[in-house]
Amino acid sequence: MTGITKDAATEAWYWPDIASQIDGDGESEALKVMIAGEIEKRARSHASAVCAHIICTILGYSNVRLALTAYCIAHNIGGLSEESIEQQAKRLGVTKQALSKEVTRFRDVYDIEAMGALKTNLARTHYRDAQKRRNRKQEQNGTRKHFTFN
């Protein structure tokens, strides 16, 4: 065979369409399936890496229940946000400040906005700035107090 084919309708001879074979027009479905498979494979690989990071982070805590609870609250997983921070902290045997601090840490790491009774990122910024201003005033008067009395 020389690569020339015969068209039955017109008895004409023609060369195969090389451009469509190179572009893959004839095998678009097979190509789509192959691409979808590759995307799924890569997505599973990335998801596995993320899960490994999360698990290692949580297992790195001395109080794994605290870390897991804080992670779930920060991500609003499992309906834990319905129960108050104080109730959950009591159940874990820690202070509400300790639990709140860990929730805030996970919010910062994963860039999650606050929900429920937790302070928003904007409110946290304002509180932090106010604390810095207070500390500067204390350092200026040298007594580590807000006000000085004679």
N, C-alpha and C. Protein backbone atom coordinates (compact mmCIF):
# COMPACT_ATOMS: atom_id res chain seq x y z
N MET A 1 0.84 -1.19 0.00
CA MET A 1 0.00 0.00 0.00
C MET A 1 0.87 1.24 0.00
N THR A 2 0.43 2.23 -0.70
CA THR A 2 1.17 3.48 -0.78
C THR A 2 0.56 4.57 0.07
N GLY A 3 -0.50 4.29 0.80
CA GLY A 3 -1.15 5.29 1.63
C GLY A 3 -2.28 5.98 0.91
N ILE A 4 -2.49 5.66 -0.35
CA ILE A 4 -3.57 6.26 -1.12
C ILE A 4 -4.81 5.39 -0.92
N THR A 5 -5.95 6.02 -0.67
CA THR A 5 -7.19 5.26 -0.51
C THR A 5 -8.17 5.65 -1.58
N LYS A 6 -9.19 4.81 -1.76
CA LYS A 6 -10.17 5.05 -2.82
C LYS A 6 -11.50 5.42 -2.19
N ASP A 7 -12.09 6.52 -2.63
CA ASP A 7 -13.38 6.94 -2.15
C ASP A 7 -14.43 6.21 -2.98
N ALA A 8 -15.26 5.41 -2.32
CA ALA A 8 -16.23 4.57 -3.02
C ALA A 8 -17.31 5.40 -3.72
N ALA A 9 -17.66 6.54 -3.18
CA ALA A 9 -18.75 7.33 -3.74
C ALA A 9 -18.37 7.96 -5.07
N THR A 10 -17.18 8.42 -5.21
CA THR A 10 -16.81 9.15 -6.43
C THR A 10 -15.73 8.43 -7.21
N GLU A 11 -15.27 7.32 -6.69
CA GLU A 11 -14.19 6.59 -7.32
C GLU A 11 -12.94 7.45 -7.41
N ALA A 12 -12.84 8.46 -6.53
CA ALA A 12 -11.68 9.34 -6.54
C ALA A 12 -10.64 8.78 -5.58
N TRP A 13 -9.41 9.09 -5.89
CA TRP A 13 -8.31 8.68 -5.03
C TRP A 13 -7.84 9.90 -4.26
N TYR A 14 -7.53 9.72 -2.96
CA TYR A 14 -7.03 10.86 -2.19
C TYR A 14 -6.06 10.35 -1.13
N TRP A 15 -5.25 11.29 -0.66
CA TRP A 15 -4.32 10.99 0.43
C TRP A 15 -5.03 11.16 1.76
N PRO A 16 -4.67 10.36 2.77
CA PRO A 16 -5.29 10.54 4.09
C PRO A 16 -4.99 11.94 4.64
N ASP A 17 -5.88 12.47 5.44
CA ASP A 17 -5.73 13.81 6.01
C ASP A 17 -4.69 13.75 7.14
N ILE A 18 -3.48 14.08 6.82
CA ILE A 18 -2.37 14.02 7.77
C ILE A 18 -2.58 15.02 8.91
N ALA A 19 -3.10 16.20 8.61
CA ALA A 19 -3.29 17.24 9.62
C ALA A 19 -4.25 16.76 10.72
N SER A 20 -5.33 16.10 10.31
CA SER A 20 -6.29 15.64 11.33
C SER A 20 -5.68 14.51 12.16
N GLN A 21 -4.83 13.72 11.56
CA GLN A 21 -4.18 12.65 12.33
C GLN A 21 -3.18 13.23 13.32
N ILE A 22 -2.47 14.26 12.92
CA ILE A 22 -1.50 14.90 13.82
C ILE A 22 -2.22 15.64 14.94
N ASP A 23 -3.28 16.37 14.58
CA ASP A 23 -4.03 17.13 15.58
C ASP A 23 -4.85 16.24 16.50
N GLY A 24 -5.07 15.01 16.10
CA GLY A 24 -5.83 14.09 16.93
C GLY A 24 -7.32 14.26 16.81
N ASP A 25 -7.80 14.82 15.70
CA ASP A 25 -9.24 15.03 15.53
C ASP A 25 -9.99 13.70 15.52
N GLY A 26 -9.40 12.68 14.99
CA GLY A 26 -10.06 11.39 14.88
C GLY A 26 -10.11 10.65 16.20
N GLU A 27 -9.23 10.95 17.12
CA GLU A 27 -9.16 10.22 18.39
C GLU A 27 -9.41 11.14 19.58
N SER A 28 -10.30 12.09 19.44
CA SER A 28 -10.53 13.07 20.51
C SER A 28 -11.10 12.43 21.76
N GLU A 29 -11.96 11.43 21.62
CA GLU A 29 -12.56 10.78 22.80
C GLU A 29 -11.49 10.02 23.58
N ALA A 30 -10.64 9.31 22.89
CA ALA A 30 -9.58 8.56 23.57
C ALA A 30 -8.63 9.53 24.28
N LEU A 31 -8.36 10.66 23.65
CA LEU A 31 -7.49 11.67 24.25
C LEU A 31 -8.15 12.28 25.48
N LYS A 32 -9.46 12.54 25.40
CA LYS A 32 -10.18 13.09 26.55
C LYS A 32 -10.15 12.12 27.73
N VAL A 33 -10.33 10.85 27.47
CA VAL A 33 -10.29 9.83 28.53
C VAL A 33 -8.90 9.77 29.14
N MET A 34 -7.87 9.84 28.30
CA MET A 34 -6.50 9.80 28.79
C MET A 34 -6.19 11.03 29.66
N ILE A 35 -6.63 12.20 29.23
CA ILE A 35 -6.40 13.44 29.98
C ILE A 35 -7.16 13.40 31.30
N ALA A 36 -8.41 12.95 31.27
CA ALA A 36 -9.21 12.85 32.50
C ALA A 36 -8.54 11.91 33.50
N GLY A 37 -8.01 10.79 33.00
CA GLY A 37 -7.31 9.85 33.87
C GLY A 37 -6.08 10.46 34.50
N GLU A 38 -5.33 11.22 33.72
CA GLU A 38 -4.12 11.87 34.24
C GLU A 38 -4.47 12.94 35.27
N ILE A 39 -5.52 13.70 35.02
CA ILE A 39 -5.96 14.73 35.98
C ILE A 39 -6.39 14.07 37.29
N GLU A 40 -7.14 12.97 37.20
CA GLU A 40 -7.59 12.28 38.40
C GLU A 40 -6.39 11.72 39.18
N LYS A 41 -5.43 11.17 38.46
CA LYS A 41 -4.23 10.63 39.10
C LYS A 41 -3.47 11.71 39.85
N ARG A 42 -3.29 12.86 39.22
CA ARG A 42 -2.58 13.96 39.87
C ARG A 42 -3.38 14.53 41.04
N ALA A 43 -4.70 14.62 40.90
CA ALA A 43 -5.55 15.14 41.98
C ALA A 43 -5.46 14.22 43.19
N ARG A 44 -5.47 12.90 42.97
CA ARG A 44 -5.34 11.95 44.08
C ARG A 44 -3.98 12.09 44.76
N SER A 45 -2.96 12.31 43.97
CA SER A 45 -1.62 12.48 44.52
C SER A 45 -1.54 13.72 45.40
N HIS A 46 -2.10 14.83 44.92
CA HIS A 46 -2.10 16.07 45.69
C HIS A 46 -2.97 15.94 46.95
N ALA A 47 -4.12 15.31 46.81
CA ALA A 47 -5.00 15.11 47.97
C ALA A 47 -4.31 14.25 49.02
N SER A 48 -3.58 13.25 48.57
CA SER A 48 -2.84 12.39 49.50
C SER A 48 -1.77 13.18 50.25
N ALA A 49 -1.09 14.07 49.54
CA ALA A 49 -0.06 14.91 50.18
C ALA A 49 -0.69 15.84 51.21
N VAL A 50 -1.84 16.42 50.89
CA VAL A 50 -2.53 17.31 51.82
C VAL A 50 -2.98 16.54 53.06
N CYS A 51 -3.56 15.37 52.86
CA CYS A 51 -4.00 14.55 54.00
C CYS A 51 -2.81 14.16 54.88
N ALA A 52 -1.70 13.79 54.27
CA ALA A 52 -0.51 13.43 55.04
C ALA A 52 -0.03 14.62 55.87
N HIS A 53 -0.05 15.81 55.28
CA HIS A 53 0.36 17.02 56.01
C HIS A 53 -0.55 17.27 57.22
N ILE A 54 -1.85 17.16 57.00
CA ILE A 54 -2.81 17.40 58.08
C ILE A 54 -2.64 16.37 59.20
N ILE A 55 -2.52 15.11 58.82
CA ILE A 55 -2.39 14.05 59.82
C ILE A 55 -1.10 14.21 60.61
N CYS A 56 0.00 14.50 59.92
CA CYS A 56 1.27 14.70 60.63
C CYS A 56 1.22 15.92 61.55
N THR A 57 0.55 16.98 61.12
CA THR A 57 0.42 18.17 61.96
C THR A 57 -0.35 17.83 63.22
N ILE A 58 -1.46 17.14 63.08
CA ILE A 58 -2.29 16.80 64.24
C ILE A 58 -1.57 15.81 65.15
N LEU A 59 -0.90 14.82 64.58
CA LEU A 59 -0.18 13.84 65.40
C LEU A 59 1.03 14.45 66.10
N GLY A 60 1.49 15.59 65.63
CA GLY A 60 2.62 16.28 66.25
C GLY A 60 2.26 16.94 67.57
N TYR A 61 1.00 17.07 67.87
CA TYR A 61 0.55 17.69 69.13
C TYR A 61 0.67 16.69 70.27
N SER A 62 0.91 17.19 71.47
CA SER A 62 0.91 16.31 72.63
C SER A 62 -0.53 15.94 72.99
N ASN A 63 -1.48 16.82 72.69
CA ASN A 63 -2.90 16.54 72.93
C ASN A 63 -3.58 16.44 71.56
N VAL A 64 -3.63 15.23 71.04
CA VAL A 64 -4.15 15.00 69.69
C VAL A 64 -5.65 15.34 69.62
N ARG A 65 -6.40 15.05 70.67
CA ARG A 65 -7.83 15.36 70.67
C ARG A 65 -8.04 16.87 70.56
N LEU A 66 -7.21 17.65 71.24
CA LEU A 66 -7.31 19.11 71.16
C LEU A 66 -7.04 19.58 69.74
N ALA A 67 -5.99 19.06 69.13
CA ALA A 67 -5.63 19.46 67.76
C ALA A 67 -6.71 19.08 66.77
N LEU A 68 -7.22 17.87 66.88
CA LEU A 68 -8.26 17.41 65.95
C LEU A 68 -9.55 18.22 66.12
N THR A 69 -9.92 18.49 67.36
CA THR A 69 -11.11 19.30 67.61
C THR A 69 -10.93 20.71 67.07
N ALA A 70 -9.76 21.31 67.31
CA ALA A 70 -9.49 22.67 66.82
C ALA A 70 -9.52 22.71 65.30
N TYR A 71 -8.94 21.70 64.65
CA TYR A 71 -8.94 21.63 63.18
C TYR A 71 -10.39 21.55 62.66
N CYS A 72 -11.19 20.69 63.30
CA CYS A 72 -12.58 20.53 62.86
C CYS A 72 -13.40 21.80 63.08
N ILE A 73 -13.17 22.49 64.19
CA ILE A 73 -13.89 23.75 64.44
C ILE A 73 -13.48 24.79 63.40
N ALA A 74 -12.19 24.90 63.14
CA ALA A 74 -11.70 25.90 62.18
C ALA A 74 -12.26 25.66 60.79
N HIS A 75 -12.41 24.38 60.40
CA HIS A 75 -12.91 24.05 59.06
C HIS A 75 -14.42 23.80 59.04
N ASN A 76 -15.09 23.95 60.20
CA ASN A 76 -16.54 23.73 60.31
C ASN A 76 -16.91 22.31 59.86
N ILE A 77 -16.17 21.34 60.38
CA ILE A 77 -16.40 19.94 60.05
C ILE A 77 -17.15 19.27 61.19
N GLY A 78 -18.12 18.47 60.87
CA GLY A 78 -18.77 17.63 61.86
C GLY A 78 -19.73 18.33 62.80
N GLY A 79 -20.13 19.52 62.49
CA GLY A 79 -21.09 20.22 63.33
C GLY A 79 -20.55 20.64 64.69
N LEU A 80 -19.22 20.67 64.85
CA LEU A 80 -18.64 21.05 66.13
C LEU A 80 -18.84 22.52 66.45
N SER A 81 -19.11 23.33 65.43
CA SER A 81 -19.28 24.76 65.67
C SER A 81 -20.62 25.06 66.34
N GLU A 82 -21.51 24.06 66.41
CA GLU A 82 -22.80 24.28 67.07
C GLU A 82 -22.64 24.32 68.59
N GLU A 83 -21.67 23.59 69.11
CA GLU A 83 -21.39 23.57 70.54
C GLU A 83 -20.42 24.72 70.85
N SER A 84 -20.56 25.34 72.01
CA SER A 84 -19.71 26.49 72.32
C SER A 84 -18.26 26.04 72.57
N ILE A 85 -17.34 26.98 72.38
CA ILE A 85 -15.93 26.71 72.62
C ILE A 85 -15.73 26.29 74.08
N GLU A 86 -16.46 26.94 74.96
CA GLU A 86 -16.33 26.64 76.39
C GLU A 86 -16.76 25.20 76.68
N GLN A 87 -17.85 24.75 76.09
CA GLN A 87 -18.33 23.38 76.30
C GLN A 87 -17.33 22.36 75.75
N GLN A 88 -16.80 22.64 74.58
CA GLN A 88 -15.84 21.71 73.98
C GLN A 88 -14.55 21.67 74.78
N ALA A 89 -14.10 22.83 75.24
CA ALA A 89 -12.88 22.89 76.04
C ALA A 89 -13.06 22.11 77.33
N LYS A 90 -14.22 22.24 77.94
CA LYS A 90 -14.51 21.52 79.18
C LYS A 90 -14.47 20.02 78.92
N ARG A 91 -15.04 19.58 77.82
CA ARG A 91 -15.05 18.17 77.46
C ARG A 91 -13.62 17.65 77.24
N LEU A 92 -12.75 18.50 76.70
CA LEU A 92 -11.35 18.12 76.44
C LEU A 92 -10.46 18.27 77.66
N GLY A 93 -10.93 18.99 78.67
CA GLY A 93 -10.13 19.19 79.87
C GLY A 93 -9.09 20.29 79.71
N VAL A 94 -9.38 21.28 78.85
CA VAL A 94 -8.48 22.43 78.66
C VAL A 94 -9.30 23.71 78.85
N THR A 95 -8.61 24.84 78.89
CA THR A 95 -9.32 26.11 79.00
C THR A 95 -9.87 26.51 77.64
N LYS A 96 -10.88 27.37 77.66
CA LYS A 96 -11.44 27.83 76.38
C LYS A 96 -10.41 28.67 75.61
N GLN A 97 -9.51 29.35 76.34
CA GLN A 97 -8.47 30.14 75.69
C GLN A 97 -7.50 29.23 74.92
N ALA A 98 -7.18 28.08 75.52
CA ALA A 98 -6.26 27.13 74.86
C ALA A 98 -6.88 26.59 73.58
N LEU A 99 -8.15 26.22 73.64
CA LEU A 99 -8.84 25.71 72.44
C LEU A 99 -8.97 26.81 71.40
N SER A 100 -9.34 28.00 71.83
CA SER A 100 -9.49 29.12 70.90
C SER A 100 -8.16 29.45 70.22
N LYS A 101 -7.07 29.37 70.97
CA LYS A 101 -5.74 29.65 70.41
C LYS A 101 -5.40 28.65 69.30
N GLU A 102 -5.73 27.37 69.52
CA GLU A 102 -5.44 26.36 68.50
C GLU A 102 -6.34 26.51 67.29
N VAL A 103 -7.60 26.86 67.51
CA VAL A 103 -8.51 27.11 66.38
C VAL A 103 -7.98 28.27 65.55
N THR A 104 -7.54 29.33 66.23
CA THR A 104 -6.99 30.51 65.54
C THR A 104 -5.74 30.14 64.77
N ARG A 105 -4.91 29.27 65.34
CA ARG A 105 -3.69 28.84 64.65
C ARG A 105 -4.04 28.11 63.35
N PHE A 106 -5.00 27.20 63.40
CA PHE A 106 -5.41 26.49 62.18
C PHE A 106 -6.05 27.45 61.18
N ARG A 107 -6.81 28.43 61.68
CA ARG A 107 -7.39 29.43 60.77
C ARG A 107 -6.29 30.20 60.05
N ASP A 108 -5.22 30.55 60.77
CA ASP A 108 -4.12 31.28 60.17
C ASP A 108 -3.37 30.43 59.15
N VAL A 109 -3.11 29.18 59.50
CA VAL A 109 -2.35 28.29 58.61
C VAL A 109 -3.09 28.06 57.31
N TYR A 110 -4.41 27.84 57.39
CA TYR A 110 -5.19 27.52 56.20
C TYR A 110 -5.98 28.70 55.65
N ASP A 111 -5.73 29.90 56.18
CA ASP A 111 -6.35 31.13 55.71
C ASP A 111 -7.88 31.01 55.64
N ILE A 112 -8.47 30.67 56.80
CA ILE A 112 -9.92 30.49 56.91
C ILE A 112 -10.50 31.67 57.68
N GLU A 113 -11.60 32.20 57.20
CA GLU A 113 -12.27 33.30 57.89
C GLU A 113 -13.05 32.75 59.09
N ALA A 114 -13.22 33.58 60.10
CA ALA A 114 -13.88 33.17 61.35
C ALA A 114 -15.36 32.92 61.12
N MET A 115 -15.91 32.08 61.99
CA MET A 115 -17.34 31.84 61.95
C MET A 115 -17.85 31.74 63.38
N GLY A 116 -19.11 31.93 63.57
CA GLY A 116 -19.69 31.83 64.90
C GLY A 116 -19.21 32.94 65.81
N ALA A 117 -18.84 32.57 67.04
CA ALA A 117 -18.44 33.55 68.05
C ALA A 117 -16.96 33.93 67.95
N LEU A 118 -16.22 33.32 67.04
CA LEU A 118 -14.79 33.63 66.91
C LEU A 118 -14.61 35.01 66.29
N LYS A 119 -13.53 35.68 66.68
CA LYS A 119 -13.25 37.01 66.14
C LYS A 119 -12.85 36.90 64.67
N THR A 120 -13.28 37.88 63.88
CA THR A 120 -12.87 37.92 62.48
C THR A 120 -11.40 38.33 62.40
N ASN A 121 -10.81 38.12 61.25
CA ASN A 121 -9.41 38.50 61.06
C ASN A 121 -9.23 40.01 61.22
N LEU A 122 -10.22 40.79 60.77
CA LEU A 122 -10.15 42.25 60.92
C LEU A 122 -10.18 42.64 62.39
N ALA A 123 -11.06 42.02 63.16
CA ALA A 123 -11.13 42.32 64.60
C ALA A 123 -9.82 41.93 65.29
N ARG A 124 -9.25 40.81 64.90
CA ARG A 124 -7.97 40.39 65.50
C ARG A 124 -6.88 41.40 65.20
N THR A 125 -6.88 41.93 63.98
CA THR A 125 -5.89 42.94 63.61
C THR A 125 -6.06 44.20 64.46
N HIS A 126 -7.30 44.63 64.66
CA HIS A 126 -7.56 45.82 65.48
C HIS A 126 -7.14 45.59 66.93
N TYR A 127 -7.46 44.43 67.49
CA TYR A 127 -7.05 44.11 68.86
C TYR A 127 -5.52 44.08 68.98
N ARG A 128 -4.86 43.50 67.98
CA ARG A 128 -3.39 43.43 68.00
C ARG A 128 -2.78 44.83 67.96
N ASP A 129 -3.32 45.70 67.10
CA ASP A 129 -2.82 47.08 67.00
C ASP A 129 -3.04 47.84 68.31
N ALA A 130 -4.20 47.65 68.93
CA ALA A 130 -4.48 48.31 70.20
C ALA A 130 -3.52 47.82 71.28
N GLN A 131 -3.23 46.53 71.29
CA GLN A 131 -2.29 45.96 72.26
C GLN A 131 -0.89 46.55 72.06
N LYS A 132 -0.47 46.71 70.82
CA LYS A 132 0.84 47.30 70.53
C LYS A 132 0.90 48.74 71.02
N ARG A 133 -0.18 49.51 70.79
CA ARG A 133 -0.21 50.90 71.25
C ARG A 133 -0.13 50.96 72.78
N ARG A 134 -0.87 50.08 73.45
CA ARG A 134 -0.83 50.03 74.92
C ARG A 134 0.58 49.69 75.41
N ASN A 135 1.21 48.74 74.77
CA ASN A 135 2.57 48.36 75.18
C ASN A 135 3.56 49.50 74.98
N ARG A 136 3.41 50.27 73.89
CA ARG A 136 4.30 51.41 73.65
C ARG A 136 4.12 52.46 74.74
N LYS A 137 2.87 52.73 75.16
CA LYS A 137 2.61 53.69 76.22
C LYS A 137 3.24 53.24 77.52
N GLN A 138 3.14 51.94 77.82
CA GLN A 138 3.72 51.41 79.05
C GLN A 138 5.24 51.56 79.04
N GLU A 139 5.86 51.33 77.90
CA GLU A 139 7.32 51.44 77.80
C GLU A 139 7.77 52.89 77.89
N GLN A 140 6.95 53.82 77.38
CA GLN A 140 7.32 55.23 77.40
C GLN A 140 7.36 55.79 78.81
N ASN A 141 6.41 55.40 79.68
CA ASN A 141 6.42 55.97 81.02
C ASN A 141 7.32 55.15 81.96
N GLY A 142 7.88 54.04 81.48
CA GLY A 142 8.90 53.30 82.21
C GLY A 142 8.41 52.49 83.39
N THR A 143 7.13 52.46 83.64
CA THR A 143 6.63 51.75 84.82
C THR A 143 5.92 50.45 84.45
N ARG A 144 5.77 50.21 83.15
CA ARG A 144 5.02 49.06 82.66
C ARG A 144 3.55 49.11 83.09
N LYS A 145 3.08 50.33 83.43
CA LYS A 145 1.67 50.53 83.76
C LYS A 145 1.07 51.52 82.76
N HIS A 146 -0.22 51.50 82.63
CA HIS A 146 -0.89 52.41 81.70
C HIS A 146 -0.74 53.86 82.11
N PHE A 147 -0.84 54.12 83.40
CA PHE A 147 -0.80 55.49 83.89
C PHE A 147 0.21 55.57 85.03
N THR A 148 0.77 56.74 85.21
CA THR A 148 1.68 56.93 86.34
C THR A 148 1.05 57.92 87.31
N PHE A 149 1.19 57.64 88.59
CA PHE A 149 0.66 58.52 89.60
C PHE A 149 1.84 59.01 90.44
N ASN A 150 1.80 60.30 90.83
CA ASN A 150 2.91 60.87 91.63
C ASN A 150 2.76 60.56 93.07
